[in-house]
Amino acid sequence: MTVWHKDADQAHDLAMLCQGLLLVHSGPVIRGVRPGTGPIAALDPDSEVDLSTFTVLANVRPTVVAPA
Protein backbone atom coordinates (compact mmCIF):
# COMPACT_ATOMS: atom_id res chain seq x y z
CA MET A 1 0.00 0.00 0.00
CA THR A 2 1.20 3.53 -0.71
CA VAL A 3 0.01 6.67 1.06
CA TRP A 4 0.78 10.33 0.36
CA HIS A 5 0.81 13.21 2.87
CA LYS A 6 2.03 16.78 3.40
CA ASP A 7 5.46 15.77 4.71
CA ALA A 8 7.57 12.66 5.21
CA ASP A 9 6.75 12.28 8.93
CA GLN A 10 3.00 12.45 8.36
CA ALA A 11 3.24 10.03 5.42
CA HIS A 12 5.13 7.58 7.65
CA ASP A 13 2.61 7.95 10.48
CA LEU A 14 -0.30 7.38 8.09
CA ALA A 15 1.40 4.31 6.64
CA MET A 16 1.93 2.91 10.16
CA LEU A 17 -1.74 3.52 11.01
CA CYS A 18 -2.91 1.78 7.84
CA GLN A 19 -0.55 -1.13 8.38
CA GLY A 20 -1.74 -1.51 11.97
CA LEU A 21 -5.37 -1.58 10.87
CA LEU A 22 -4.59 -4.30 8.33
CA LEU A 23 -2.61 -6.35 10.87
CA VAL A 24 -5.52 -6.58 13.31
CA HIS A 25 -8.06 -7.49 10.61
CA SER A 26 -9.57 -10.95 10.56
CA GLY A 27 -12.72 -12.37 9.08
CA PRO A 28 -14.25 -15.30 7.25
CA VAL A 29 -11.87 -15.04 4.27
CA ILE A 30 -8.73 -13.47 5.75
CA ARG A 31 -7.29 -15.71 8.47
CA GLY A 32 -4.41 -13.46 9.45
CA VAL A 33 -2.14 -10.65 8.33
CA ARG A 34 1.50 -10.04 9.22
CA PRO A 35 3.99 -7.29 8.31
CA GLY A 36 5.92 -7.51 5.06
CA THR A 37 8.23 -4.63 4.17
CA GLY A 38 8.24 -0.99 5.13
CA PRO A 39 7.11 1.57 5.67
CA ILE A 40 9.59 3.02 3.21
CA ALA A 41 9.72 6.78 2.63
CA ALA A 42 9.94 8.21 -0.88
CA LEU A 43 9.03 11.21 -2.97
CA ASP A 44 6.41 10.89 -5.71
CA PRO A 45 8.33 11.57 -8.94
CA ASP A 46 5.31 13.11 -10.67
CA SER A 47 3.84 15.34 -7.96
CA GLU A 48 6.89 15.67 -5.66
CA VAL A 49 4.64 14.87 -2.67
CA ASP A 50 6.05 12.81 0.20
CA LEU A 51 4.84 9.23 0.30
CA SER A 52 5.37 6.08 2.31
CA THR A 53 4.81 2.53 1.14
CA PHE A 54 4.56 -0.86 2.84
CA THR A 55 3.44 -4.43 2.24
CA VAL A 56 1.63 -7.02 4.33
CA LEU A 57 1.34 -10.78 3.98
CA ALA A 58 -2.19 -12.15 4.21
CA ASN A 59 -3.26 -15.73 4.87
CA VAL A 60 -6.61 -16.44 3.27
CA ARG A 61 -8.99 -19.35 3.67
CA PRO A 62 -8.44 -21.92 0.92
CA THR A 63 -11.25 -22.66 -1.52
CA VAL A 64 -11.77 -26.07 -3.09
CA VAL A 65 -12.15 -25.87 -6.84
CA ALA A 66 -14.21 -28.75 -8.23
CA PRO A 67 -12.96 -30.29 -11.45
CA ALA A 68 -14.99 -29.34 -14.52
PDB file of N, CA and C in Angstrom:
ATOM      1  N   MET A   1       0.849  -1.133   0.000  1.00  0.00           N
ATOM      2  CA  MET A   1       0.000   0.000   0.000  1.00  0.00           C
ATOM      3  C   MET A   1       0.911   1.215   0.000  1.00  0.00           C
ATOM      4  N   THR A   2       0.460   2.268  -0.673  1.00  0.00           N
ATOM      5  CA  THR A   2       1.195   3.527  -0.713  1.00  0.00           C
ATOM      6  C   THR A   2       0.270   4.653  -0.275  1.00  0.00           C
ATOM      7  N   VAL A   3       0.788   5.519   0.588  1.00  0.00           N
ATOM      8  CA  VAL A   3       0.011   6.672   1.058  1.00  0.00           C
ATOM      9  C   VAL A   3       0.833   7.939   0.834  1.00  0.00           C
ATOM     10  N   TRP A   4       0.154   9.028   0.559  1.00  0.00           N
ATOM     11  CA  TRP A   4       0.777  10.333   0.360  1.00  0.00           C
ATOM     12  C   TRP A   4       0.324  11.271   1.466  1.00  0.00           C
ATOM     13  N   HIS A   5       1.205  12.219   1.859  1.00  0.00           N
ATOM     14  CA  HIS A   5       0.812  13.211   2.868  1.00  0.00           C
ATOM     15  C   HIS A   5       1.647  14.464   2.691  1.00  0.00           C
ATOM     16  N   LYS A   6       1.403  15.459   3.538  1.00  0.00           N
ATOM     17  CA  LYS A   6       2.032  16.778   3.404  1.00  0.00           C
ATOM     18  C   LYS A   6       3.541  16.759   3.617  1.00  0.00           C
ATOM     19  N   ASP A   7       4.027  15.878   4.503  1.00  0.00           N
ATOM     20  CA  ASP A   7       5.464  15.769   4.706  1.00  0.00           C
ATOM     21  C   ASP A   7       5.813  14.321   5.014  1.00  0.00           C
ATOM     22  N   ALA A   8       7.109  14.038   5.054  1.00  0.00           N
ATOM     23  CA  ALA A   8       7.570  12.658   5.214  1.00  0.00           C
ATOM     24  C   ALA A   8       7.120  12.038   6.535  1.00  0.00           C
ATOM     25  N   ASP A   9       7.153  12.816   7.622  1.00  0.00           N
ATOM     26  CA  ASP A   9       6.753  12.279   8.928  1.00  0.00           C
ATOM     27  C   ASP A   9       5.277  11.897   8.947  1.00  0.00           C
ATOM     28  N   GLN A  10       4.432  12.749   8.385  1.00  0.00           N
ATOM     29  CA  GLN A  10       3.000  12.447   8.359  1.00  0.00           C
ATOM     30  C   GLN A  10       2.690  11.283   7.427  1.00  0.00           C
ATOM     31  N   ALA A  11       3.425  11.170   6.329  1.00  0.00           N
ATOM     32  CA  ALA A  11       3.243  10.031   5.425  1.00  0.00           C
ATOM     33  C   ALA A  11       3.614   8.734   6.137  1.00  0.00           C
ATOM     34  N   HIS A  12       4.706   8.764   6.893  1.00  0.00           N
ATOM     35  CA  HIS A  12       5.129   7.582   7.652  1.00  0.00           C
ATOM     36  C   HIS A  12       4.093   7.217   8.709  1.00  0.00           C
ATOM     37  N   ASP A  13       3.617   8.211   9.444  1.00  0.00           N
ATOM     38  CA  ASP A  13       2.607   7.950  10.481  1.00  0.00           C
ATOM     39  C   ASP A  13       1.332   7.368   9.884  1.00  0.00           C
ATOM     40  N   LEU A  14       0.897   7.892   8.744  1.00  0.00           N
ATOM     41  CA  LEU A  14      -0.299   7.376   8.086  1.00  0.00           C
ATOM     42  C   LEU A  14      -0.086   5.949   7.606  1.00  0.00           C
ATOM     43  N   ALA A  15       1.093   5.669   7.075  1.00  0.00           N
ATOM     44  CA  ALA A  15       1.404   4.305   6.643  1.00  0.00           C
ATOM     45  C   ALA A  15       1.381   3.342   7.830  1.00  0.00           C
ATOM     46  N   MET A  16       1.937   3.755   8.960  1.00  0.00           N
ATOM     47  CA  MET A  16       1.931   2.908  10.160  1.00  0.00           C
ATOM     48  C   MET A  16       0.507   2.653  10.652  1.00  0.00           C
ATOM     49  N   LEU A  17      -0.343   3.676  10.611  1.00  0.00           N
ATOM     50  CA  LEU A  17      -1.737   3.516  11.006  1.00  0.00           C
ATOM     51  C   LEU A  17      -2.442   2.525  10.088  1.00  0.00           C
ATOM     52  N   CYS A  18      -2.274   2.692   8.788  1.00  0.00           N
ATOM     53  CA  CYS A  18      -2.915   1.781   7.835  1.00  0.00           C
ATOM     54  C   CYS A  18      -2.407   0.353   8.011  1.00  0.00           C
ATOM     55  N   GLN A  19      -1.112   0.206   8.184  1.00  0.00           N
ATOM     56  CA  GLN A  19      -0.548  -1.129   8.377  1.00  0.00           C
ATOM     57  C   GLN A  19      -1.103  -1.760   9.652  1.00  0.00           C
ATOM     58  N   GLY A  20      -1.192  -0.987  10.716  1.00  0.00           N
ATOM     59  CA  GLY A  20      -1.741  -1.508  11.973  1.00  0.00           C
ATOM     60  C   GLY A  20      -3.181  -1.964  11.823  1.00  0.00           C
ATOM     61  N   LEU A  21      -3.978  -1.194  11.093  1.00  0.00           N
ATOM     62  CA  LEU A  21      -5.372  -1.584  10.869  1.00  0.00           C
ATOM     63  C   LEU A  21      -5.466  -2.878  10.069  1.00  0.00           C
ATOM     64  N   LEU A  22      -4.587  -3.049   9.101  1.00  0.00           N
ATOM     65  CA  LEU A  22      -4.590  -4.296   8.331  1.00  0.00           C
ATOM     66  C   LEU A  22      -4.125  -5.480   9.175  1.00  0.00           C
ATOM     67  N   LEU A  23      -3.152  -5.259  10.063  1.00  0.00           N
ATOM     68  CA  LEU A  23      -2.608  -6.350  10.873  1.00  0.00           C
ATOM     69  C   LEU A  23      -3.623  -6.905  11.864  1.00  0.00           C
ATOM     70  N   VAL A  24      -4.542  -6.086  12.334  1.00  0.00           N
ATOM     71  CA  VAL A  24      -5.518  -6.575  13.313  1.00  0.00           C
ATOM     72  C   VAL A  24      -6.785  -7.104  12.650  1.00  0.00           C
ATOM     73  N   HIS A  25      -6.863  -7.035  11.317  1.00  0.00           N
ATOM     74  CA  HIS A  25      -8.059  -7.493  10.612  1.00  0.00           C
ATOM     75  C   HIS A  25      -8.121  -9.015  10.586  1.00  0.00           C
ATOM     76  N   SER A  26      -9.307  -9.535  10.786  1.00  0.00           N
ATOM     77  CA  SER A  26      -9.566 -10.951  10.564  1.00  0.00           C
ATOM     78  C   SER A  26     -11.023 -11.084  10.155  1.00  0.00           C
ATOM     79  N   GLY A  27     -11.355 -12.167   9.532  1.00  0.00           N
ATOM     80  CA  GLY A  27     -12.721 -12.368   9.075  1.00  0.00           C
ATOM     81  C   GLY A  27     -12.878 -13.749   8.472  1.00  0.00           C
ATOM     82  N   PRO A  28     -13.989 -13.982   7.788  1.00  0.00           N
ATOM     83  CA  PRO A  28     -14.250 -15.303   7.249  1.00  0.00           C
ATOM     84  C   PRO A  28     -13.324 -15.698   6.095  1.00  0.00           C
ATOM     85  N   VAL A  29     -12.762 -14.739   5.394  1.00  0.00           N
ATOM     86  CA  VAL A  29     -11.874 -15.043   4.273  1.00  0.00           C
ATOM     87  C   VAL A  29     -10.411 -14.846   4.661  1.00  0.00           C
ATOM     88  N   ILE A  30     -10.114 -13.756   5.354  1.00  0.00           N
ATOM     89  CA  ILE A  30      -8.733 -13.472   5.752  1.00  0.00           C
ATOM     90  C   ILE A  30      -8.489 -14.067   7.124  1.00  0.00           C
ATOM     91  N   ARG A  31      -7.588 -15.039   7.192  1.00  0.00           N
ATOM     92  CA  ARG A  31      -7.285 -15.707   8.467  1.00  0.00           C
ATOM     93  C   ARG A  31      -6.305 -14.933   9.317  1.00  0.00           C
ATOM     94  N   GLY A  32      -5.397 -14.224   8.692  1.00  0.00           N
ATOM     95  CA  GLY A  32      -4.407 -13.462   9.445  1.00  0.00           C
ATOM     96  C   GLY A  32      -3.561 -12.613   8.522  1.00  0.00           C
ATOM     97  N   VAL A  33      -2.985 -11.568   9.095  1.00  0.00           N
ATOM     98  CA  VAL A  33      -2.135 -10.649   8.333  1.00  0.00           C
ATOM     99  C   VAL A  33      -0.890 -10.386   9.164  1.00  0.00           C
ATOM    100  N   ARG A  34       0.262 -10.354   8.512  1.00  0.00           N
ATOM    101  CA  ARG A  34       1.505 -10.040   9.216  1.00  0.00           C
ATOM    102  C   ARG A  34       2.312  -9.039   8.382  1.00  0.00           C
ATOM    103  N   PRO A  35       3.224  -8.322   9.031  1.00  0.00           N
ATOM    104  CA  PRO A  35       3.988  -7.291   8.312  1.00  0.00           C
ATOM    105  C   PRO A  35       4.854  -7.889   7.213  1.00  0.00           C
ATOM    106  N   GLY A  36       4.993  -7.146   6.139  1.00  0.00           N
ATOM    107  CA  GLY A  36       5.916  -7.510   5.064  1.00  0.00           C
ATOM    108  C   GLY A  36       7.096  -6.559   5.113  1.00  0.00           C
ATOM    109  N   THR A  37       7.144  -5.624   4.193  1.00  0.00           N
ATOM    110  CA  THR A  37       8.226  -4.631   4.167  1.00  0.00           C
ATOM    111  C   THR A  37       7.691  -3.247   4.514  1.00  0.00           C
ATOM    112  N   GLY A  38       8.600  -2.389   4.929  1.00  0.00           N
ATOM    113  CA  GLY A  38       8.240  -0.990   5.133  1.00  0.00           C
ATOM    114  C   GLY A  38       7.712  -0.699   6.515  1.00  0.00           C
ATOM    115  N   PRO A  39       7.281   0.526   6.678  1.00  0.00           N
ATOM    116  CA  PRO A  39       7.109   1.568   5.671  1.00  0.00           C
ATOM    117  C   PRO A  39       8.435   2.123   5.159  1.00  0.00           C
ATOM    118  N   ILE A  40       8.424   2.461   3.879  1.00  0.00           N
ATOM    119  CA  ILE A  40       9.588   3.019   3.210  1.00  0.00           C
ATOM    120  C   ILE A  40       9.208   4.406   2.683  1.00  0.00           C
ATOM    121  N   ALA A  41       9.985   5.391   3.052  1.00  0.00           N
ATOM    122  CA  ALA A  41       9.718   6.775   2.630  1.00  0.00           C
ATOM    123  C   ALA A  41      10.231   6.998   1.217  1.00  0.00           C
ATOM    124  N   ALA A  42       9.529   7.846   0.479  1.00  0.00           N
ATOM    125  CA  ALA A  42       9.942   8.205  -0.877  1.00  0.00           C
ATOM    126  C   ALA A  42       9.281   9.523  -1.258  1.00  0.00           C
ATOM    127  N   LEU A  43       9.612   9.994  -2.424  1.00  0.00           N
ATOM    128  CA  LEU A  43       9.028  11.207  -2.972  1.00  0.00           C
ATOM    129  C   LEU A  43       8.384  10.840  -4.302  1.00  0.00           C
ATOM    130  N   ASP A  44       7.120  11.188  -4.466  1.00  0.00           N
ATOM    131  CA  ASP A  44       6.413  10.894  -5.705  1.00  0.00           C
ATOM    132  C   ASP A  44       7.120  11.634  -6.856  1.00  0.00           C
ATOM    133  N   PRO A  45       7.582  10.909  -7.868  1.00  0.00           N
ATOM    134  CA  PRO A  45       8.334  11.568  -8.941  1.00  0.00           C
ATOM    135  C   PRO A  45       7.484  12.507  -9.803  1.00  0.00           C
ATOM    136  N   ASP A  46       6.177  12.277  -9.843  1.00  0.00           N
ATOM    137  CA  ASP A  46       5.309  13.114 -10.668  1.00  0.00           C
ATOM    138  C   ASP A  46       4.846  14.371  -9.942  1.00  0.00           C
ATOM    139  N   SER A  47       4.400  14.208  -8.694  1.00  0.00           N
ATOM    140  CA  SER A  47       3.836  15.343  -7.961  1.00  0.00           C
ATOM    141  C   SER A  47       4.797  15.945  -6.940  1.00  0.00           C
ATOM    142  N   GLU A  48       5.911  15.259  -6.668  1.00  0.00           N
ATOM    143  CA  GLU A  48       6.889  15.668  -5.659  1.00  0.00           C
ATOM    144  C   GLU A  48       6.271  15.775  -4.263  1.00  0.00           C
ATOM    145  N   VAL A  49       5.270  14.945  -3.990  1.00  0.00           N
ATOM    146  CA  VAL A  49       4.638  14.871  -2.675  1.00  0.00           C
ATOM    147  C   VAL A  49       5.258  13.694  -1.918  1.00  0.00           C
ATOM    148  N   ASP A  50       5.489  13.882  -0.617  1.00  0.00           N
ATOM    149  CA  ASP A  50       6.054  12.811   0.202  1.00  0.00           C
ATOM    150  C   ASP A  50       5.093  11.640   0.259  1.00  0.00           C
ATOM    151  N   LEU A  51       5.658  10.429   0.198  1.00  0.00           N
ATOM    152  CA  LEU A  51       4.840   9.229   0.305  1.00  0.00           C
ATOM    153  C   LEU A  51       5.556   8.203   1.164  1.00  0.00           C
ATOM    154  N   SER A  52       4.810   7.199   1.563  1.00  0.00           N
ATOM    155  CA  SER A  52       5.367   6.079   2.308  1.00  0.00           C
ATOM    156  C   SER A  52       4.658   4.826   1.824  1.00  0.00           C
ATOM    157  N   THR A  53       5.396   3.757   1.663  1.00  0.00           N
ATOM    158  CA  THR A  53       4.815   2.530   1.137  1.00  0.00           C
ATOM    159  C   THR A  53       5.183   1.341   2.019  1.00  0.00           C
ATOM    160  N   PHE A  54       4.314   0.348   2.054  1.00  0.00           N
ATOM    161  CA  PHE A  54       4.563  -0.859   2.840  1.00  0.00           C
ATOM    162  C   PHE A  54       3.817  -2.029   2.216  1.00  0.00           C
ATOM    163  N   THR A  55       4.161  -3.229   2.665  1.00  0.00           N
ATOM    164  CA  THR A  55       3.436  -4.426   2.242  1.00  0.00           C
ATOM    165  C   THR A  55       3.019  -5.222   3.475  1.00  0.00           C
ATOM    166  N   VAL A  56       2.025  -6.051   3.308  1.00  0.00           N
ATOM    167  CA  VAL A  56       1.626  -7.016   4.335  1.00  0.00           C
ATOM    168  C   VAL A  56       1.468  -8.376   3.664  1.00  0.00           C
ATOM    169  N   LEU A  57       1.543  -9.416   4.455  1.00  0.00           N
ATOM    170  CA  LEU A  57       1.335 -10.781   3.980  1.00  0.00           C
ATOM    171  C   LEU A  57       0.028 -11.279   4.584  1.00  0.00           C
ATOM    172  N   ALA A  58      -0.884 -11.713   3.734  1.00  0.00           N
ATOM    173  CA  ALA A  58      -2.194 -12.150   4.213  1.00  0.00           C
ATOM    174  C   ALA A  58      -2.370 -13.644   3.984  1.00  0.00           C
ATOM    175  N   ASN A  59      -2.874 -14.331   5.002  1.00  0.00           N
ATOM    176  CA  ASN A  59      -3.258 -15.733   4.873  1.00  0.00           C
ATOM    177  C   ASN A  59      -4.761 -15.768   4.664  1.00  0.00           C
ATOM    178  N   VAL A  60      -5.186 -16.383   3.574  1.00  0.00           N
ATOM    179  CA  VAL A  60      -6.611 -16.444   3.267  1.00  0.00           C
ATOM    180  C   VAL A  60      -7.096 -17.882   3.336  1.00  0.00           C
ATOM    181  N   ARG A  61      -8.377 -18.033   3.589  1.00  0.00           N
ATOM    182  CA  ARG A  61      -8.990 -19.354   3.672  1.00  0.00           C
ATOM    183  C   ARG A  61      -8.945 -19.997   2.290  1.00  0.00           C
ATOM    184  N   PRO A  62      -8.483 -21.250   2.213  1.00  0.00           N
ATOM    185  CA  PRO A  62      -8.444 -21.922   0.915  1.00  0.00           C
ATOM    186  C   PRO A  62      -9.859 -22.249   0.410  1.00  0.00           C
ATOM    187  N   THR A  63      -9.970 -22.318  -0.889  1.00  0.00           N
ATOM    188  CA  THR A  63     -11.252 -22.665  -1.520  1.00  0.00           C
ATOM    189  C   THR A  63     -11.020 -23.874  -2.423  1.00  0.00           C
ATOM    190  N   VAL A  64     -11.851 -24.879  -2.271  1.00  0.00           N
ATOM    191  CA  VAL A  64     -11.771 -26.066  -3.092  1.00  0.00           C
ATOM    192  C   VAL A  64     -12.388 -25.758  -4.449  1.00  0.00           C
ATOM    193  N   VAL A  65     -11.642 -26.065  -5.499  1.00  0.00           N
ATOM    194  CA  VAL A  65     -12.146 -25.868  -6.844  1.00  0.00           C
ATOM    195  C   VAL A  65     -12.498 -27.247  -7.406  1.00  0.00           C
ATOM    196  N   ALA A  66     -13.769 -27.450  -7.706  1.00  0.00           N
ATOM    197  CA  ALA A  66     -14.212 -28.747  -8.225  1.00  0.00           C
ATOM    198  C   ALA A  66     -13.771 -28.897  -9.679  1.00  0.00           C
ATOM    199  N   PRO A  67     -13.342 -30.083 -10.053  1.00  0.00           N
ATOM    200  CA  PRO A  67     -12.957 -30.290 -11.450  1.00  0.00           C
ATOM    201  C   PRO A  67     -14.160 -30.104 -12.374  1.00  0.00           C
ATOM    202  N   ALA A  68     -13.895 -29.615 -13.565  1.00  0.00           N
ATOM    203  CA  ALA A  68     -14.992 -29.338 -14.523  1.00  0.00           C
ATOM    204  C   ALA A  68     -15.535 -30.584 -15.157  1.00  0.00           C
TER     205      ALA A  68
END
